[in-house]
C-alpha atoms as a PDB file:
ATOM      1  CA  UNK A   1     -40.282  12.656 -11.255  1.00  0.00           C
ATOM      2  CA  UNK A   2     -38.391  14.387  -8.446  1.00  0.00           C
ATOM      3  CA  UNK A   3     -36.159  12.332  -6.144  1.00  0.00           C
ATOM      4  CA  UNK A   4     -34.514  13.696  -2.989  1.00  0.00           C
ATOM      5  CA  UNK A   5     -31.184  11.972  -2.308  1.00  0.00           C
ATOM      6  CA  UNK A   6     -29.999  12.450   1.272  1.00  0.00           C
ATOM      7  CA  UNK A   7     -26.253  12.281   0.838  1.00  0.00           C
ATOM      8  CA  UNK A   8     -23.234  14.471   0.309  1.00  0.00           C
ATOM      9  CA  UNK A   9     -22.592  15.335  -3.372  1.00  0.00           C
ATOM     10  CA  UNK A  10     -19.488  13.815  -4.886  1.00  0.00           C
ATOM     11  CA  UNK A  11     -16.419  16.031  -5.139  1.00  0.00           C
ATOM     12  CA  UNK A  12     -16.868  18.147  -8.292  1.00  0.00           C
ATOM     13  CA  UNK A  13     -13.344  17.313  -9.454  1.00  0.00           C
ATOM     14  CA  UNK A  14     -14.459  13.672  -9.823  1.00  0.00           C
ATOM     15  CA  UNK A  15     -17.134  14.591 -12.392  1.00  0.00           C
ATOM     16  CA  UNK A  16     -20.933  14.450 -12.087  1.00  0.00           C
ATOM     17  CA  UNK A  17     -22.395  12.678  -9.068  1.00  0.00           C
ATOM     18  CA  UNK A  18     -23.260   9.070 -10.033  1.00  0.00           C
ATOM     19  CA  UNK A  19     -26.623   9.148  -8.197  1.00  0.00           C
ATOM     20  CA  UNK A  20     -27.795  12.207 -10.152  1.00  0.00           C
ATOM     21  CA  UNK A  21     -26.519  10.661 -13.391  1.00  0.00           C
ATOM     22  CA  UNK A  22     -28.118   7.239 -12.850  1.00  0.00           C
ATOM     23  CA  UNK A  23     -31.490   8.678 -11.778  1.00  0.00           C
ATOM     24  CA  UNK A  24     -31.476  11.027 -14.797  1.00  0.00           C
ATOM     25  CA  UNK A  25     -30.871   8.033 -17.078  1.00  0.00           C
ATOM     26  CA  UNK A  26     -34.204   6.659 -15.758  1.00  0.00           C
ATOM     27  CA  UNK A  27     -35.891  10.019 -16.432  1.00  0.00           C
ATOM     28  CA  UNK A  28     -35.928  11.343 -12.857  1.00  0.00           C
ATOM     29  CA  UNK A  29     -34.640  14.674 -11.508  1.00  0.00           C
ATOM     30  CA  UNK A  30     -32.478  14.140  -8.426  1.00  0.00           C
ATOM     31  CA  UNK A  31     -31.377  16.694  -5.832  1.00  0.00           C
ATOM     32  CA  UNK A  32     -28.669  15.885  -3.270  1.00  0.00           C
ATOM     33  CA  UNK A  33     -28.776  17.307   0.260  1.00  0.00           C
ATOM     34  CA  UNK A  34     -25.905  16.482   2.651  1.00  0.00           C
ATOM     35  CA  UNK A  35     -27.116  15.090   5.970  1.00  0.00           C
ATOM     36  CA  UNK A  36     -23.937  14.512   7.950  1.00  0.00           C
ATOM     37  CA  UNK A  37     -20.839  16.476   8.845  1.00  0.00           C
ATOM     38  CA  UNK A  38     -17.586  14.817   9.881  1.00  0.00           C
ATOM     39  CA  UNK A  39     -14.672  15.768  12.087  1.00  0.00           C
ATOM     40  CA  UNK A  40     -11.423  13.799  12.014  1.00  0.00           C
ATOM     41  CA  UNK A  41      -9.896  12.841  15.381  1.00  0.00           C
ATOM     42  CA  UNK A  42      -6.943  10.766  16.714  1.00  0.00           C
ATOM     43  CA  UNK A  43      -4.964  11.263  13.485  1.00  0.00           C
ATOM     44  CA  UNK A  44      -1.576  11.101  15.269  1.00  0.00           C
ATOM     45  CA  UNK A  45      -2.489   7.709  16.743  1.00  0.00           C
ATOM     46  CA  UNK A  46      -3.821   6.531  13.368  1.00  0.00           C
ATOM     47  CA  UNK A  47      -0.603   7.622  11.674  1.00  0.00           C
ATOM     48  CA  UNK A  48       1.499   5.679  14.201  1.00  0.00           C
ATOM     49  CA  UNK A  49      -0.524   2.531  13.575  1.00  0.00           C
ATOM     50  CA  UNK A  50      -0.457   2.847   9.768  1.00  0.00           C
ATOM     51  CA  UNK A  51       3.325   2.954   9.972  1.00  0.00           C
ATOM     52  CA  UNK A  52       3.506  -0.218  12.108  1.00  0.00           C
ATOM     53  CA  UNK A  53       2.098  -2.871   9.729  1.00  0.00           C
ATOM     54  CA  UNK A  54       4.179  -5.584  11.430  1.00  0.00           C
ATOM     55  CA  UNK A  55       1.920  -5.293  14.501  1.00  0.00           C
ATOM     56  CA  UNK A  56      -1.243  -6.227  12.586  1.00  0.00           C
ATOM     57  CA  UNK A  57      -2.747  -9.087  10.607  1.00  0.00           C
ATOM     58  CA  UNK A  58      -4.552  -6.748   8.202  1.00  0.00           C
ATOM     59  CA  UNK A  59      -6.757  -3.674   7.833  1.00  0.00           C
ATOM     60  CA  UNK A  60     -10.531  -3.129   7.750  1.00  0.00           C
ATOM     61  CA  UNK A  61     -12.228  -0.094   6.180  1.00  0.00           C
ATOM     62  CA  UNK A  62     -16.037   0.007   6.184  1.00  0.00           C
ATOM     63  CA  UNK A  63     -16.492   3.667   5.161  1.00  0.00           C
ATOM     64  CA  UNK A  64     -14.909   6.170   2.768  1.00  0.00           C
ATOM     65  CA  UNK A  65     -14.393   8.574   5.715  1.00  0.00           C
ATOM     66  CA  UNK A  66     -12.044   6.166   7.491  1.00  0.00           C
ATOM     67  CA  UNK A  67      -9.911   5.938   4.330  1.00  0.00           C
ATOM     68  CA  UNK A  68      -9.934   9.746   4.055  1.00  0.00           C
ATOM     69  CA  UNK A  69      -8.596   9.883   7.633  1.00  0.00           C
ATOM     70  CA  UNK A  70      -5.775   7.547   6.582  1.00  0.00           C
ATOM     71  CA  UNK A  71      -5.083   9.780   3.555  1.00  0.00           C
ATOM     72  CA  UNK A  72      -4.756  12.812   5.843  1.00  0.00           C
ATOM     73  CA  UNK A  73      -2.017  10.972   7.745  1.00  0.00           C
ATOM     74  CA  UNK A  74      -0.013  10.677   4.513  1.00  0.00           C
ATOM     75  CA  UNK A  75      -0.183  14.338   3.478  1.00  0.00           C
ATOM     76  CA  UNK A  76       3.303  15.262   4.715  1.00  0.00           C
ATOM     77  CA  UNK A  77       5.995  14.697   2.076  1.00  0.00           C
ATOM     78  CA  UNK A  78       8.199  12.497   4.273  1.00  0.00           C
ATOM     79  CA  UNK A  79       5.188  10.360   5.229  1.00  0.00           C
ATOM     80  CA  UNK A  80       4.014   9.712   1.653  1.00  0.00           C
ATOM     81  CA  UNK A  81       7.603   8.933   0.637  1.00  0.00           C
ATOM     82  CA  UNK A  82       7.966   6.304   3.372  1.00  0.00           C
ATOM     83  CA  UNK A  83       4.486   4.949   2.610  1.00  0.00           C
ATOM     84  CA  UNK A  84       5.255   4.475  -1.100  1.00  0.00           C
ATOM     85  CA  UNK A  85       8.741   3.141  -0.443  1.00  0.00           C
ATOM     86  CA  UNK A  86       7.900   0.340   1.977  1.00  0.00           C
ATOM     87  CA  UNK A  87       4.726   0.632   4.080  1.00  0.00           C
ATOM     88  CA  UNK A  88       2.063  -0.019   1.454  1.00  0.00           C
ATOM     89  CA  UNK A  89       3.966  -3.105   0.210  1.00  0.00           C
ATOM     90  CA  UNK A  90       4.029  -4.469   3.780  1.00  0.00           C
ATOM     91  CA  UNK A  91       0.278  -3.891   4.162  1.00  0.00           C
ATOM     92  CA  UNK A  92      -0.377  -5.508   0.770  1.00  0.00           C
ATOM     93  CA  UNK A  93       1.186  -8.729   2.073  1.00  0.00           C
ATOM     94  CA  UNK A  94      -1.792  -8.790   4.460  1.00  0.00           C
ATOM     95  CA  UNK A  95      -5.560  -8.642   3.858  1.00  0.00           C
ATOM     96  CA  UNK A  96      -7.147  -5.196   3.353  1.00  0.00           C
ATOM     97  CA  UNK A  97     -10.902  -5.659   3.863  1.00  0.00           C
ATOM     98  CA  UNK A  98     -13.485  -3.146   2.612  1.00  0.00           C
ATOM     99  CA  UNK A  99     -17.257  -2.691   2.292  1.00  0.00           C
ATOM    100  CA  UNK A 100     -18.523  -1.278  -1.011  1.00  0.00           C
ATOM    101  CA  UNK A 101     -17.056   0.062  -4.234  1.00  0.00           C
ATOM    102  CA  UNK A 102     -16.608   3.689  -3.047  1.00  0.00           C
ATOM    103  CA  UNK A 103     -14.457   2.577  -0.107  1.00  0.00           C
ATOM    104  CA  UNK A 104     -12.544   0.126  -2.334  1.00  0.00           C
ATOM    105  CA  UNK A 105     -11.728   2.873  -4.867  1.00  0.00           C
ATOM    106  CA  UNK A 106     -10.328   5.131  -2.115  1.00  0.00           C
ATOM    107  CA  UNK A 107      -8.293   2.245  -0.671  1.00  0.00           C
ATOM    108  CA  UNK A 108      -6.809   1.637  -4.141  1.00  0.00           C
ATOM    109  CA  UNK A 109      -5.830   5.324  -4.318  1.00  0.00           C
ATOM    110  CA  UNK A 110      -3.591   4.630  -1.269  1.00  0.00           C
ATOM    111  CA  UNK A 111      -1.835   1.934  -3.309  1.00  0.00           C
ATOM    112  CA  UNK A 112      -3.539  -0.870  -1.344  1.00  0.00           C
ATOM    113  CA  UNK A 113      -5.315  -3.914  -2.786  1.00  0.00           C
ATOM    114  CA  UNK A 114      -8.833  -4.229  -1.290  1.00  0.00           C
ATOM    115  CA  UNK A 115     -10.772  -7.421  -0.636  1.00  0.00           C
ATOM    116  CA  UNK A 116     -14.549  -7.668  -0.285  1.00  0.00           C
ATOM    117  CA  UNK A 117     -15.802  -4.645  -2.248  1.00  0.00           C
ATOM    118  CA  UNK A 118     -18.868  -6.646  -3.318  1.00  0.00           C
ATOM    119  CA  UNK A 119     -19.853  -7.527   0.259  1.00  0.00           C
ATOM    120  CA  UNK A 120     -22.093  -4.447   0.572  1.00  0.00           C
ATOM    121  CA  UNK A 121     -22.615  -4.635   4.358  1.00  0.00           C
ATOM    122  CA  UNK A 122     -20.451  -5.076   7.472  1.00  0.00           C
ATOM    123  CA  UNK A 123     -22.434  -8.232   8.264  1.00  0.00           C
ATOM    124  CA  UNK A 124     -21.462  -9.908   4.967  1.00  0.00           C
ATOM    125  CA  UNK A 125     -17.872  -8.652   5.256  1.00  0.00           C
ATOM    126  CA  UNK A 126     -17.553 -10.156   8.742  1.00  0.00           C
ATOM    127  CA  UNK A 127     -18.522 -13.564   7.297  1.00  0.00           C
ATOM    128  CA  UNK A 128     -15.828 -13.220   4.600  1.00  0.00           C
ATOM    129  CA  UNK A 129     -13.199 -12.351   7.245  1.00  0.00           C
ATOM    130  CA  UNK A 130     -14.227 -15.283   9.469  1.00  0.00           C
ATOM    131  CA  UNK A 131     -13.962 -17.660   6.459  1.00  0.00           C
ATOM    132  CA  UNK A 132     -10.496 -16.391   5.499  1.00  0.00           C
ATOM    133  CA  UNK A 133      -8.749 -15.674   8.789  1.00  0.00           C
ATOM    134  CA  UNK A 134      -7.381 -17.837  11.547  1.00  0.00           C
ATOM    135  CA  UNK A 135      -7.822 -17.081  15.254  1.00  0.00           C
ATOM    136  CA  UNK A 136      -4.024 -17.142  15.710  1.00  0.00           C
ATOM    137  CA  UNK A 137      -3.454 -14.059  13.490  1.00  0.00           C
ATOM    138  CA  UNK A 138      -2.226 -10.725  14.812  1.00  0.00           C
ATOM    139  CA  UNK A 139      -5.121  -8.307  15.397  1.00  0.00           C
ATOM    140  CA  UNK A 140      -6.875  -6.769  12.404  1.00  0.00           C
ATOM    141  CA  UNK A 141      -6.805  -2.959  12.624  1.00  0.00           C
ATOM    142  CA  UNK A 142     -10.189  -1.247  12.132  1.00  0.00           C
ATOM    143  CA  UNK A 143     -10.227   2.596  11.914  1.00  0.00           C
ATOM    144  CA  UNK A 144     -13.898   3.621  12.186  1.00  0.00           C
ATOM    145  CA  UNK A 145     -16.439   6.336  12.959  1.00  0.00           C
ATOM    146  CA  UNK A 146     -17.946   7.317  16.294  1.00  0.00           C
ATOM    147  CA  UNK A 147     -21.342   5.780  15.518  1.00  0.00           C
ATOM    148  CA  UNK A 148     -20.282   2.524  13.874  1.00  0.00           C
ATOM    149  CA  UNK A 149     -22.605  -0.419  14.359  1.00  0.00           C
ATOM    150  CA  UNK A 150     -21.246  -3.263  16.467  1.00  0.00           C
ATOM    151  CA  UNK A 151     -22.131  -6.005  13.942  1.00  0.00           C
ATOM    152  CA  UNK A 152     -18.597  -6.538  12.618  1.00  0.00           C
ATOM    153  CA  UNK A 153     -16.636  -6.246  15.914  1.00  0.00           C
ATOM    154  CA  UNK A 154     -19.139  -8.541  17.675  1.00  0.00           C
ATOM    155  CA  UNK A 155     -19.057 -11.194  14.922  1.00  0.00           C
ATOM    156  CA  UNK A 156     -15.240 -11.233  14.828  1.00  0.00           C
ATOM    157  CA  UNK A 157     -14.873 -11.408  18.611  1.00  0.00           C
ATOM    158  CA  UNK A 158     -17.460 -14.210  18.873  1.00  0.00           C
ATOM    159  CA  UNK A 159     -15.387 -16.178  16.355  1.00  0.00           C
ATOM    160  CA  UNK A 160     -12.075 -15.504  18.096  1.00  0.00           C
ATOM    161  CA  UNK A 161     -10.646 -13.162  15.436  1.00  0.00           C
ATOM    162  CA  UNK A 162      -8.516 -10.521  17.234  1.00  0.00           C
ATOM    163  CA  UNK A 163      -9.477  -6.931  16.437  1.00  0.00           C
ATOM    164  CA  UNK A 164      -8.193  -3.478  17.371  1.00  0.00           C
ATOM    165  CA  UNK A 165     -10.490  -0.506  16.714  1.00  0.00           C
ATOM    166  CA  UNK A 166      -9.703   3.211  16.660  1.00  0.00           C
ATOM    167  CA  UNK A 167     -12.304   5.982  16.276  1.00  0.00           C
ATOM    168  CA  UNK A 168     -10.887   8.352  13.636  1.00  0.00           C
ATOM    169  CA  UNK A 169     -13.911  10.532  12.860  1.00  0.00           C
ATOM    170  CA  UNK A 170     -16.993  11.845  14.621  1.00  0.00           C
ATOM    171  CA  UNK A 171     -20.349  12.101  12.884  1.00  0.00           C
ATOM    172  CA  UNK A 172     -22.864  14.886  13.524  1.00  0.00           C
ATOM    173  CA  UNK A 173     -25.877  16.446  11.815  1.00  0.00           C
ATOM    174  CA  UNK A 174     -24.952  18.766   8.939  1.00  0.00           C
ATOM    175  CA  UNK A 175     -25.370  22.358  10.217  1.00  0.00           C
ATOM    176  CA  UNK A 176     -27.496  23.414   7.188  1.00  0.00           C
ATOM    177  CA  UNK A 177     -29.647  20.280   6.984  1.00  0.00           C
ATOM    178  CA  UNK A 178     -32.946  21.710   8.234  1.00  0.00           C
ATOM    179  CA  UNK A 179     -32.546  24.928   6.211  1.00  0.00           C
ATOM    180  CA  UNK A 180     -31.705  22.984   3.010  1.00  0.00           C
ATOM    181  CA  UNK A 181     -34.701  20.662   3.461  1.00  0.00           C
ATOM    182  CA  UNK A 182     -37.014  23.641   4.004  1.00  0.00           C
ATOM    183  CA  UNK A 183     -35.733  25.377   0.839  1.00  0.00           C
ATOM    184  CA  UNK A 184     -36.135  22.155  -1.169  1.00  0.00           C
ATOM    185  CA  UNK A 185     -39.747  21.542  -0.078  1.00  0.00           C
ATOM    186  CA  UNK A 186     -40.632  25.232  -0.590  1.00  0.00           C
ATOM    187  CA  UNK A 187     -39.167  25.423  -4.087  1.00  0.00           C
ATOM    188  CA  UNK A 188     -39.788  21.902  -5.434  1.00  0.00           C
ATOM    189  CA  UNK A 189     -42.633  20.552  -3.323  1.00  0.00           C
ATOM    190  CA  UNK A 190     -42.865  17.027  -1.937  1.00  0.00           C
ATOM    191  CA  UNK A 191     -40.651  14.617  -3.918  1.00  0.00           C
ATOM    192  CA  UNK A 192     -41.961  11.371  -5.417  1.00  0.00           C
ATOM    193  CA  UNK A 193     -39.189   9.459  -3.645  1.00  0.00           C
ATOM    194  CA  UNK A 194     -36.638  10.073  -0.871  1.00  0.00           C
ATOM    195  CA  UNK A 195     -33.454   7.981  -0.666  1.00  0.00           C
ATOM    196  CA  UNK A 196     -31.731   7.402   2.698  1.00  0.00           C
ATOM    197  CA  UNK A 197     -28.119   6.276   3.090  1.00  0.00           C
ATOM    198  CA  UNK A 198     -27.640   5.521   6.790  1.00  0.00           C
ATOM    199  CA  UNK A 199     -29.484   5.061  10.088  1.00  0.00           C
ATOM    200  CA  UNK A 200     -27.963   8.440  11.142  1.00  0.00           C
ATOM    201  CA  UNK A 201     -29.589  10.022   8.092  1.00  0.00           C
ATOM    202  CA  UNK A 202     -32.951   8.635   9.192  1.00  0.00           C
ATOM    203  CA  UNK A 203     -32.395   9.941  12.728  1.00  0.00           C
ATOM    204  CA  UNK A 204     -31.386  13.460  11.641  1.00  0.00           C
ATOM    205  CA  UNK A 205     -33.895  14.002   8.774  1.00  0.00           C
ATOM    206  CA  UNK A 206     -37.122  12.270   9.548  1.00  0.00           C
ATOM    207  CA  UNK A 207     -38.759  14.754  11.874  1.00  0.00           C
ATOM    208  CA  UNK A 208     -38.231  17.640   9.409  1.00  0.00           C
ATOM    209  CA  UNK A 209     -39.445  15.537   6.459  1.00  0.00           C
ATOM    210  CA  UNK A 210     -42.603  14.545   8.351  1.00  0.00           C
ATOM    211  CA  UNK A 211     -43.288  18.176   9.198  1.00  0.00           C
ATOM    212  CA  UNK A 212     -42.558  19.547   5.704  1.00  0.00           C
ATOM    213  CA  UNK A 213     -44.501  16.911   3.764  1.00  0.00           C
ATOM    214  CA  UNK A 214     -47.520  16.854   6.120  1.00  0.00           C
ATOM    215  CA  UNK A 215     -50.366  14.710   4.792  1.00  0.00           C
ATOM    216  CA  UNK A 216     -48.398  13.995   1.599  1.00  0.00           C
ATOM    217  CA  UNK A 217     -45.951  11.814   3.599  1.00  0.00           C
ATOM    218  CA  UNK A 218     -47.851   8.633   2.717  1.00  0.00           C
ATOM    219  CA  UNK A 219     -47.425   9.356  -1.016  1.00  0.00           C
ATOM    220  CA  UNK A 220     -43.591   9.379  -0.821  1.00  0.00           C
ATOM    221  CA  UNK A 221     -41.736   6.242  -1.930  1.00  0.00           C
ATOM    222  CA  UNK A 222     -38.977   5.740   0.640  1.00  0.00           C
ATOM    223  CA  UNK A 223     -35.797   4.096  -0.634  1.00  0.00           C
ATOM    224  CA  UNK A 224     -32.853   2.654   1.338  1.00  0.00           C
ATOM    225  CA  UNK A 225     -29.256   2.080   0.216  1.00  0.00           C
ATOM    226  CA  UNK A 226     -29.092  -1.195   2.175  1.00  0.00           C
ATOM    227  CA  UNK A 227     -30.728  -3.442   4.794  1.00  0.00           C
ATOM    228  CA  UNK A 228     -29.429  -1.516   7.837  1.00  0.00           C
ATOM    229  CA  UNK A 229     -30.967   1.735   6.606  1.00  0.00           C
ATOM    230  CA  UNK A 230     -34.139  -0.134   5.636  1.00  0.00           C
ATOM    231  CA  UNK A 231     -34.418  -1.448   9.218  1.00  0.00           C
ATOM    232  CA  UNK A 232     -33.965   2.095  10.606  1.00  0.00           C
ATOM    233  CA  UNK A 233     -36.812   3.403   8.388  1.00  0.00           C
ATOM    234  CA  UNK A 234     -39.079   0.467   9.282  1.00  0.00           C
ATOM    235  CA  UNK A 235     -38.380   1.034  12.991  1.00  0.00           C
ATOM    236  CA  UNK A 236     -39.812   4.559  12.522  1.00  0.00           C
ATOM    237  CA  UNK A 237     -43.028   3.049  11.165  1.00  0.00           C
ATOM    238  CA  UNK A 238     -42.368   3.976   7.527  1.00  0.00           C
ATOM    239  CA  UNK A 239     -43.153   1.731   4.607  1.00  0.00           C
ATOM    240  CA  UNK A 240     -39.920   1.178   2.644  1.00  0.00           C
ATOM    241  CA  UNK A 241     -40.787   0.955  -1.055  1.00  0.00           C
ATOM    242  CA  UNK A 242     -37.399  -0.349  -2.200  1.00  0.00           C
ATOM    243  CA  UNK A 243     -33.883  -1.232  -1.069  1.00  0.00           C
ATOM    244  CA  UNK A 244     -30.878  -1.287  -3.400  1.00  0.00           C
ATOM    245  CA  UNK A 245     -29.709  -4.821  -4.176  1.00  0.00           C
ATOM    246  CA  UNK A 246     -26.126  -3.535  -3.789  1.00  0.00           C
ATOM    247  CA  UNK A 247     -24.999  -0.188  -2.320  1.00  0.00           C
ATOM    248  CA  UNK A 248     -24.246   1.463  -5.689  1.00  0.00           C
ATOM    249  CA  UNK A 249     -25.788   4.374  -7.630  1.00  0.00           C
ATOM    250  CA  UNK A 250     -26.791   1.989 -10.403  1.00  0.00           C
ATOM    251  CA  UNK A 251     -28.662  -0.432  -8.137  1.00  0.00           C
ATOM    252  CA  UNK A 252     -30.375   2.291  -6.089  1.00  0.00           C
ATOM    253  CA  UNK A 253     -31.515   4.195  -9.205  1.00  0.00           C
ATOM    254  CA  UNK A 254     -32.879   0.982 -10.741  1.00  0.00           C
ATOM    255  CA  UNK A 255     -34.799   0.174  -7.533  1.00  0.00           C
ATOM    256  CA  UNK A 256     -36.294   3.694  -7.338  1.00  0.00           C
ATOM    257  CA  UNK A 257     -37.162   3.677 -11.044  1.00  0.00           C
ATOM    258  CA  UNK A 258     -38.956   0.353 -10.504  1.00  0.00           C
ATOM    259  CA  UNK A 259     -41.276   1.733  -7.815  1.00  0.00           C
ATOM    260  CA  UNK A 260     -41.910   5.055  -9.610  1.00  0.00           C
ATOM    261  CA  UNK A 261     -43.197   3.445 -12.813  1.00  0.00           C
END
């Protein structure tokens, strides 16, 4: 059956996209359509902070984009040299918190040792941080996106854990989203299932999907990558057929395959 996956395809250099691969292994044909576009901001400030590890008690990354922003700060030869020589070792003496395997893998590519890749959501990660950290620590540094949820900052502040945030990327609707959705529905028809990956994805896509699927909307099995996205779909009055147990290609494909049997 056909499954529409509302996320950016993986970089071709990294091999086939895991979501396409996993869904194919269950006998389903997946198509990926990117929903969001990103613009990096405040990179000079981010760079300054990454090169001052002594000011912080640790780092928090809850999205691959935030790690990509950090990578951009290390592109200059003198920067990467200093990073490899001393900075990453100083950060590795502290806690580097992450949500999810994709973010963890990118953090490892910076030479850092991530904690919490199995947490899956910012809510669960905040509980791990509160368990591990003391209120007397230096602030944890949290580079994030413009539309981050306040779950993690609120939980840490309520428990007295000092935190410093910096917005390092802005999120907007992908410029070709509506056109790509229209082409998909025209050429392939209404999919058996549609997978959403963020509340922003729900916000930017839903109106077009309702319009393009018409009366067939009720036949679509809606899938969510995690509980936050599930809540966003439910808030729009949609019946969520399945939610991935963990935010991985394997778990999402298994959940979708289960409801499409």
